[in-house]
Amino acid sequence: MITVMTPLSMNPKKIFGAWRVKTTTESQKEPNDDDNNNNITSQVVAQIKRMIRYDADLSEFHQMSPEACKMQWGRTYCSPSLWEDVVKTITNCNMQWSGTCEMNVRLCTNLETPLNSFPTPKEIVQFTADELQSMCRLGYRSPWIRSIAQSIVDGSIDFDALEQDLLHGNATDQAAAEQRLKSLPGVGPFAKANILQLCGRTNAMPFDTETCRLWIEEHGASPDKKHRPKVMKDAEEHYRTNFPGQEWRAYWFDLWRNYESRRGVDSRRWTIPTGPHGEAAFSNAGTSSRKKKKNSNISPTEEEEVRKSSSDASVGSKRSVTPALSVALTAMTTSPSKRRRTTRCVAVVTPPSRTSIRNKRRSQR
């Protein structure tokens, strides 16, 4: 069996959203246990590559946006599967972000899935729409989600084929796939555009009220609700004209920078490893002079410790993952025949903050 979890929450009762892959049950005899483990590993790798958009080509976008290029920005996070992305998108429609998160937490924790993982379509159809509403409080979305799950289970729709056609099909295949996507219950214009970008279609533009807020704050657009159609039209024209083929990345980059400006801090960004051993998973590239001045009381020793902690956290490293790292995704593979368990660090991590380093130093005095 294989699961992926954070080392700071190893109690299964406190984990939700763990990854799951197809595994061989004990009743099924495998001629070679190593083959089974290799199959499991390949599934985990495929899921992680999809989640971090490992194969994404950012060169075109970076040519259009020098600032994004300087920060090595462009890979946005998504789910391990299209099914999960669709459900999360539907729960995000006409709902604040906190409400979306709460619904998905309940989907993971209230349906008694293994390790509180995200429910599969087969697990969803074990419940009626009313039961899903009662247990997970999905509102009017319950029958939509169950209907989509039922279509997957009975073979009416193949999400793997759908995703391939949406991303890699020719113009005809893509148009047909978009129609199939649009026909899913609960998938309107925003949901369709958001699912397209989650599949890797960088020309999609899932505009909503956040687009209007961005345009009001950054471009002086009218806050009057009756002007929303014009605001969204102006936004679309801006991105279509200046970032053809990369509209989604350019829009989300502007939105993310706006979030940073509103919060007064720069987010940590995952940069492409450049060291000889693949180190340097995170950086704070692009930190503003205002923030540097604000943190001028940070000693050079503490700055060096933060930098060293970042470089010590390497993707695929054989170093042990310590509690100093705030997040690590760990694949735990158990071989039934050999009765052994191996732990590998498959993705890494946020380095300790300056505050945590200060607290650690104080506790050691």
Protein backbone atom coordinates (compact mmCIF):
# COMPACT_ATOMS: atom_id res chain seq x y z
CA MET A 1 0.00 0.00 0.00
CA ILE A 2 1.18 3.54 -0.63
CA THR A 3 0.15 6.83 0.91
CA VAL A 4 1.51 10.34 0.83
CA MET A 5 1.30 12.49 3.94
CA THR A 6 3.04 15.21 5.91
CA PRO A 7 5.51 14.07 8.58
CA LEU A 8 4.13 16.64 11.02
CA SER A 9 0.78 14.86 11.03
CA MET A 10 1.48 11.16 10.95
CA ASN A 11 -1.69 10.31 12.90
CA PRO A 12 -4.09 8.95 10.22
CA LYS A 13 -7.03 10.45 12.11
CA LYS A 14 -5.61 13.92 11.50
CA ILE A 15 -4.81 13.47 7.82
CA PHE A 16 -7.16 14.40 5.00
CA GLY A 17 -6.60 14.41 1.27
CA ALA A 18 -3.87 11.76 1.24
CA TRP A 19 -2.93 10.45 -2.18
CA ARG A 20 -4.05 7.01 -3.22
CA VAL A 21 -3.01 4.77 -6.07
CA LYS A 22 -4.19 1.42 -7.33
CA THR A 23 -2.56 -1.40 -5.42
CA THR A 24 -2.61 -5.15 -5.53
CA THR A 25 -4.59 -6.79 -2.75
CA GLU A 26 -3.16 -9.67 -0.77
CA SER A 27 -5.56 -12.07 -2.47
CA GLN A 28 -4.04 -11.18 -5.84
CA LYS A 29 -0.79 -12.98 -6.48
CA GLU A 30 1.97 -10.96 -8.07
CA PRO A 31 4.69 -12.92 -9.85
CA ASN A 32 7.23 -10.29 -8.86
CA ASP A 33 6.78 -8.02 -5.87
CA ASP A 34 9.32 -5.56 -7.26
CA ASP A 35 7.16 -5.13 -10.36
CA ASN A 36 4.22 -4.23 -8.14
CA ASN A 37 6.31 -1.66 -6.26
CA ASN A 38 7.56 -0.22 -9.55
CA ASN A 39 3.98 0.12 -10.75
CA ILE A 40 3.03 1.92 -7.54
CA THR A 41 6.04 4.21 -7.82
CA SER A 42 5.19 5.11 -11.43
CA GLN A 43 1.64 6.04 -10.41
CA VAL A 44 2.87 8.27 -7.60
CA VAL A 45 5.40 9.95 -9.88
CA ALA A 46 2.71 10.56 -12.53
CA GLN A 47 0.40 12.11 -9.95
CA ILE A 48 3.10 14.35 -8.52
CA LYS A 49 4.20 15.47 -12.00
CA ARG A 50 0.61 16.41 -12.78
CA MET A 51 0.21 18.28 -9.49
CA ILE A 52 3.32 20.43 -9.93
CA ARG A 53 3.02 20.63 -13.75
CA TYR A 54 6.47 19.15 -14.08
CA ASP A 55 6.34 18.97 -17.89
CA ALA A 56 5.11 22.54 -18.37
CA ASP A 57 7.14 24.66 -20.80
CA LEU A 58 7.48 28.16 -19.34
CA SER A 59 9.84 29.58 -21.95
CA GLU A 60 7.16 31.37 -23.99
CA PHE A 61 5.53 32.92 -20.92
CA HIS A 62 8.89 34.02 -19.52
CA GLN A 63 9.69 35.77 -22.79
CA MET A 64 6.43 37.70 -22.44
CA SER A 65 6.88 38.45 -18.72
CA PRO A 66 10.46 39.31 -17.67
CA GLU A 67 9.33 39.74 -14.05
CA ALA A 68 7.89 36.22 -13.95
CA CYS A 69 11.06 34.95 -15.63
CA LYS A 70 13.24 36.57 -12.98
CA MET A 71 11.21 34.84 -10.27
CA GLN A 72 11.01 31.54 -12.20
CA TRP A 73 7.25 31.77 -11.69
CA GLY A 74 4.67 29.88 -13.74
CA ARG A 75 3.84 26.44 -12.36
CA THR A 76 0.49 26.54 -10.59
CA TYR A 77 -0.66 23.70 -8.37
CA CYS A 78 -3.47 21.28 -9.28
CA SER A 79 -4.90 17.95 -8.07
CA PRO A 80 -3.57 14.44 -8.75
CA SER A 81 -6.50 13.73 -11.12
CA LEU A 82 -9.02 15.48 -13.34
CA TRP A 83 -11.86 13.98 -11.25
CA GLU A 84 -10.60 15.74 -8.13
CA ASP A 85 -10.09 19.00 -10.02
CA VAL A 86 -13.66 18.89 -11.34
CA VAL A 87 -15.17 18.30 -7.89
CA LYS A 88 -13.09 21.05 -6.32
CA THR A 89 -14.01 23.46 -9.10
CA ILE A 90 -17.73 22.74 -8.66
CA THR A 91 -17.45 23.31 -4.92
CA ASN A 92 -15.72 26.64 -5.64
CA CYS A 93 -18.56 28.03 -7.76
CA ASN A 94 -20.69 30.67 -5.99
CA MET A 95 -18.78 30.02 -2.79
CA GLN A 96 -16.10 31.81 -0.80
CA TRP A 97 -12.72 30.07 -0.65
CA SER A 98 -13.12 29.12 3.01
CA GLY A 99 -16.43 27.42 2.23
CA THR A 100 -14.83 25.52 -0.66
CA CYS A 101 -12.05 24.26 1.61
CA GLU A 102 -14.54 23.18 4.27
CA MET A 103 -16.62 21.18 1.79
CA ASN A 104 -13.57 19.34 0.49
CA VAL A 105 -12.33 18.63 4.00
CA ARG A 106 -15.72 17.06 4.80
CA LEU A 107 -15.54 14.99 1.60
CA CYS A 108 -12.19 13.65 2.79
CA THR A 109 -13.07 13.11 6.44
CA ASN A 110 -16.77 12.24 6.61
CA LEU A 111 -17.05 9.43 4.05
CA GLU A 112 -14.67 7.04 5.84
CA THR A 113 -12.22 6.80 2.95
CA PRO A 114 -8.82 5.16 3.60
CA LEU A 115 -6.54 7.60 5.42
CA ASN A 116 -9.16 10.30 4.86
CA SER A 117 -8.15 10.48 1.22
CA PHE A 118 -10.17 12.26 -1.44
CA PRO A 119 -13.11 9.98 -2.37
CA THR A 120 -13.05 8.14 -5.67
CA PRO A 121 -16.11 8.06 -7.95
CA LYS A 122 -16.86 4.51 -6.75
CA GLU A 123 -16.87 5.71 -3.16
CA ILE A 124 -19.11 8.67 -3.98
CA VAL A 125 -21.80 6.53 -5.64
CA GLN A 126 -22.15 4.45 -2.48
CA PHE A 127 -24.11 7.39 -1.11
CA THR A 128 -27.25 9.09 -2.35
CA ALA A 129 -27.25 12.79 -3.16
CA ASP A 130 -29.21 13.45 0.04
CA GLU A 131 -26.68 11.49 2.09
CA LEU A 132 -23.79 13.45 0.54
CA GLN A 133 -25.59 16.67 1.36
CA SER A 134 -26.25 15.57 4.93
CA MET A 135 -22.70 14.30 5.57
CA CYS A 136 -20.66 16.85 3.62
CA ARG A 137 -23.02 19.84 3.32
CA LEU A 138 -22.43 20.31 -0.39
CA GLY A 139 -25.73 22.10 -0.97
CA TYR A 140 -27.21 21.91 -4.44
CA ARG A 141 -23.88 20.51 -5.68
CA SER A 142 -24.51 17.04 -4.20
CA PRO A 143 -26.59 15.66 -7.10
CA TRP A 144 -24.14 17.12 -9.62
CA ILE A 145 -21.11 15.51 -8.03
CA ARG A 146 -22.86 12.18 -7.62
CA SER A 147 -24.10 12.26 -11.21
CA ILE A 148 -20.58 12.84 -12.54
CA ALA A 149 -19.24 10.05 -10.34
CA GLN A 150 -21.94 7.69 -11.64
CA SER A 151 -21.06 8.54 -15.25
CA ILE A 152 -17.43 7.65 -14.58
CA VAL A 153 -18.32 4.41 -12.81
CA ASP A 154 -20.70 3.16 -15.51
CA GLY A 155 -18.30 4.19 -18.29
CA SER A 156 -20.44 6.93 -19.80
CA ILE A 157 -17.47 9.26 -19.67
CA ASP A 158 -13.73 8.57 -19.59
CA PHE A 159 -11.90 11.34 -17.76
CA ASP A 160 -8.47 10.13 -18.88
CA ALA A 161 -9.49 10.32 -22.52
CA LEU A 162 -11.24 13.64 -21.90
CA GLU A 163 -8.10 15.18 -20.44
CA GLN A 164 -5.95 13.90 -23.28
CA ASP A 165 -8.30 15.38 -25.89
CA LEU A 166 -8.53 18.70 -24.03
CA LEU A 167 -4.76 19.09 -23.83
CA HIS A 168 -3.25 17.16 -26.73
CA GLY A 169 -6.07 16.75 -29.25
CA ASN A 170 -6.31 18.58 -32.55
CA ALA A 171 -8.73 21.49 -32.96
CA THR A 172 -11.65 19.18 -33.71
CA ASP A 173 -10.92 16.85 -30.79
CA GLN A 174 -10.50 19.77 -28.41
CA ALA A 175 -13.78 21.34 -29.46
CA ALA A 176 -15.62 18.04 -28.99
CA ALA A 177 -13.95 17.49 -25.61
CA GLU A 178 -14.94 20.98 -24.48
CA GLN A 179 -18.55 20.18 -25.36
CA ARG A 180 -18.37 16.98 -23.28
CA LEU A 181 -16.90 18.95 -20.42
CA LYS A 182 -19.56 21.65 -20.67
CA SER A 183 -22.30 19.00 -20.61
CA LEU A 184 -21.27 17.83 -17.13
CA PRO A 185 -23.72 18.85 -14.37
CA GLY A 186 -22.59 21.99 -12.58
CA VAL A 187 -20.01 23.00 -15.20
CA GLY A 188 -20.81 26.51 -16.38
CA PRO A 189 -18.57 29.06 -18.14
CA PHE A 190 -16.32 29.74 -15.13
CA ALA A 191 -16.04 26.07 -14.14
CA LYS A 192 -15.25 25.07 -17.72
CA ALA A 193 -12.49 27.68 -18.03
CA ASN A 194 -11.02 26.73 -14.67
CA ILE A 195 -10.98 23.03 -15.48
CA LEU A 196 -9.31 23.81 -18.81
CA GLN A 197 -6.47 25.66 -17.09
CA LEU A 198 -6.14 22.81 -14.57
CA CYS A 199 -5.69 20.47 -17.54
CA GLY A 200 -2.88 22.70 -18.79
CA ARG A 201 -4.69 24.93 -21.28
CA THR A 202 -2.82 28.17 -20.65
CA ASN A 203 -5.11 30.20 -22.91
CA ALA A 204 -8.12 29.66 -20.61
CA MET A 205 -9.40 32.60 -18.56
CA PRO A 206 -11.59 31.64 -15.58
CA PHE A 207 -12.73 35.16 -14.70
CA ASP A 208 -14.94 35.82 -11.67
CA THR A 209 -15.45 38.50 -9.01
CA GLU A 210 -11.73 38.35 -8.16
CA THR A 211 -11.00 39.55 -11.69
CA CYS A 212 -13.21 42.58 -11.11
CA ARG A 213 -11.55 43.29 -7.76
CA LEU A 214 -8.10 43.05 -9.38
CA TRP A 215 -9.10 45.44 -12.15
CA ILE A 216 -10.60 47.90 -9.66
CA GLU A 217 -7.48 47.94 -7.47
CA GLU A 218 -4.81 47.78 -10.17
CA HIS A 219 -6.43 49.50 -13.16
CA GLY A 220 -8.96 51.89 -11.63
CA ALA A 221 -12.03 50.13 -13.03
CA SER A 222 -15.48 51.11 -11.80
CA PRO A 223 -16.63 49.18 -8.70
CA ASP A 224 -20.24 49.41 -9.86
CA LYS A 225 -21.63 45.87 -10.34
CA LYS A 226 -23.42 46.90 -13.52
CA HIS A 227 -20.01 47.49 -15.12
CA ARG A 228 -18.74 43.96 -14.43
CA PRO A 229 -19.32 42.69 -18.00
CA LYS A 230 -17.23 45.58 -19.37
CA VAL A 231 -14.52 45.04 -16.75
CA MET A 232 -14.20 41.36 -17.68
CA LYS A 233 -14.22 42.24 -21.38
CA ASP A 234 -11.40 44.75 -20.82
CA ALA A 235 -9.44 42.15 -18.84
CA GLU A 236 -9.85 39.55 -21.56
CA GLU A 237 -8.76 42.01 -24.24
CA HIS A 238 -5.69 42.93 -22.17
CA TYR A 239 -4.50 39.35 -21.76
CA ARG A 240 -5.43 38.21 -25.27
CA THR A 241 -3.48 41.14 -26.73
CA ASN A 242 -0.38 41.09 -24.52
CA PHE A 243 -0.07 37.39 -23.61
CA PRO A 244 -1.49 35.33 -26.50
CA GLY A 245 -1.51 31.64 -25.58
CA GLN A 246 -0.38 32.42 -22.00
CA GLU A 247 -3.43 34.29 -20.77
CA TRP A 248 -4.00 32.12 -17.71
CA ARG A 249 -0.44 32.36 -16.41
CA ALA A 250 -0.31 36.13 -16.96
CA TYR A 251 -3.65 36.65 -15.22
CA TRP A 252 -2.76 34.47 -12.24
CA PHE A 253 0.66 36.12 -11.94
CA ASP A 254 -1.00 39.53 -11.72
CA LEU A 255 -3.54 38.23 -9.22
CA TRP A 256 -0.87 36.54 -7.09
CA ARG A 257 1.26 39.68 -6.98
CA ASN A 258 -1.84 41.59 -5.95
CA TYR A 259 -2.38 39.13 -3.09
CA GLU A 260 1.22 39.68 -1.97
CA SER A 261 0.77 43.43 -2.12
CA ARG A 262 -2.41 43.26 -0.05
CA ARG A 263 -0.74 41.07 2.58
CA GLY A 264 2.47 43.07 2.57
CA VAL A 265 4.72 40.04 2.07
CA ASP A 266 6.20 38.03 -0.77
CA SER A 267 5.20 34.39 -0.96
CA ARG A 268 7.77 31.62 -0.99
CA ARG A 269 8.26 30.28 -4.50
CA TRP A 270 9.51 26.94 -5.69
CA THR A 271 12.41 27.54 -8.05
CA ILE A 272 14.04 25.16 -10.48
CA PRO A 273 16.95 23.37 -8.69
CA THR A 274 20.30 24.64 -9.93
CA GLY A 275 22.81 23.00 -7.56
CA PRO A 276 24.91 19.96 -8.50
CA HIS A 277 22.72 17.72 -6.34
CA GLY A 278 19.37 19.34 -7.13
CA GLU A 279 19.25 21.55 -4.04
CA ALA A 280 17.53 24.90 -3.50
CA ALA A 281 13.87 23.98 -3.55
CA PHE A 282 12.61 27.37 -2.38
CA SER A 283 13.68 31.00 -2.49
CA ASN A 284 12.43 34.47 -1.70
CA ALA A 285 13.51 35.97 -5.00
CA GLY A 286 12.01 39.34 -5.72
CA THR A 287 11.75 40.50 -2.11
CA SER A 288 10.90 44.18 -2.04
CA SER A 289 13.19 46.77 -0.51
CA ARG A 290 10.35 47.70 1.84
CA LYS A 291 10.33 44.18 3.28
CA LYS A 292 14.11 44.10 3.54
CA LYS A 293 14.02 47.32 5.52
CA LYS A 294 11.26 45.95 7.74
CA ASN A 295 13.34 42.85 8.51
CA SER A 296 16.63 44.75 8.89
CA ASN A 297 16.92 43.48 12.47
CA ILE A 298 17.50 39.92 11.18
CA SER A 299 21.07 38.99 11.89
CA PRO A 300 23.38 37.71 9.10
CA THR A 301 23.68 34.43 10.98
CA GLU A 302 19.91 33.90 10.92
CA GLU A 303 19.75 34.85 7.22
CA GLU A 304 22.45 32.27 6.50
CA GLU A 305 20.58 29.62 8.49
CA VAL A 306 17.40 30.21 6.48
CA ARG A 307 19.36 30.03 3.23
CA LYS A 308 21.18 26.86 4.31
CA SER A 309 17.90 25.22 5.37
CA SER A 310 16.51 25.85 1.89
CA SER A 311 19.53 24.33 0.15
CA ASP A 312 19.60 21.34 2.48
CA ALA A 313 16.08 20.41 1.38
CA SER A 314 16.61 18.69 -1.96
CA VAL A 315 14.16 16.92 -4.21
CA GLY A 316 14.85 13.20 -4.14
CA SER A 317 17.47 13.67 -1.43
CA LYS A 318 18.41 10.74 0.80
CA ARG A 319 18.84 13.06 3.77
CA SER A 320 16.40 12.43 6.58
CA VAL A 321 13.42 14.79 6.77
CA THR A 322 13.53 16.58 10.11
CA PRO A 323 10.75 18.46 11.94
CA ALA A 324 12.52 21.69 10.97
CA LEU A 325 10.93 21.33 7.54
CA SER A 326 7.36 22.51 7.69
CA VAL A 327 6.05 20.30 4.88
CA ALA A 328 7.37 17.19 3.14
CA LEU A 329 5.56 14.70 0.96
CA THR A 330 6.68 11.21 1.89
CA ALA A 331 5.94 8.05 -0.02
CA MET A 332 5.77 5.00 2.21
CA THR A 333 5.94 1.71 0.33
CA THR A 334 5.26 -1.58 2.06
CA SER A 335 6.28 -4.87 0.47
CA PRO A 336 3.93 -7.59 1.84
CA SER A 337 6.27 -10.47 1.05
CA LYS A 338 9.43 -8.93 2.46
CA ARG A 339 7.62 -7.33 5.43
CA ARG A 340 9.57 -4.16 5.17
CA ARG A 341 8.82 -0.48 4.78
CA THR A 342 10.94 2.13 3.08
CA THR A 343 10.42 5.86 3.27
CA ARG A 344 11.52 8.19 0.52
CA CYS A 345 11.29 11.93 0.24
CA VAL A 346 9.62 12.51 -3.12
CA ALA A 347 9.02 16.24 -2.95
CA VAL A 348 10.17 19.01 -0.73
CA VAL A 349 9.30 21.45 1.46
CA THR A 350 9.15 24.87 3.05
CA PRO A 351 12.24 25.90 5.00
CA PRO A 352 11.83 27.13 8.57
CA SER A 353 10.76 30.74 8.93
CA ARG A 354 12.88 33.38 10.60
CA THR A 355 10.44 33.40 13.51
CA SER A 356 10.83 29.66 14.08
CA ILE A 357 14.63 30.03 14.01
CA ARG A 358 14.47 32.79 16.61
CA ASN A 359 12.21 30.69 18.84
CA LYS A 360 14.54 27.71 18.49
CA ARG A 361 17.54 29.83 19.47
CA ARG A 362 15.71 31.20 22.52
CA SER A 363 14.71 27.72 23.68
CA GLN A 364 18.32 26.57 23.46
CA ARG A 365 19.62 29.39 25.65
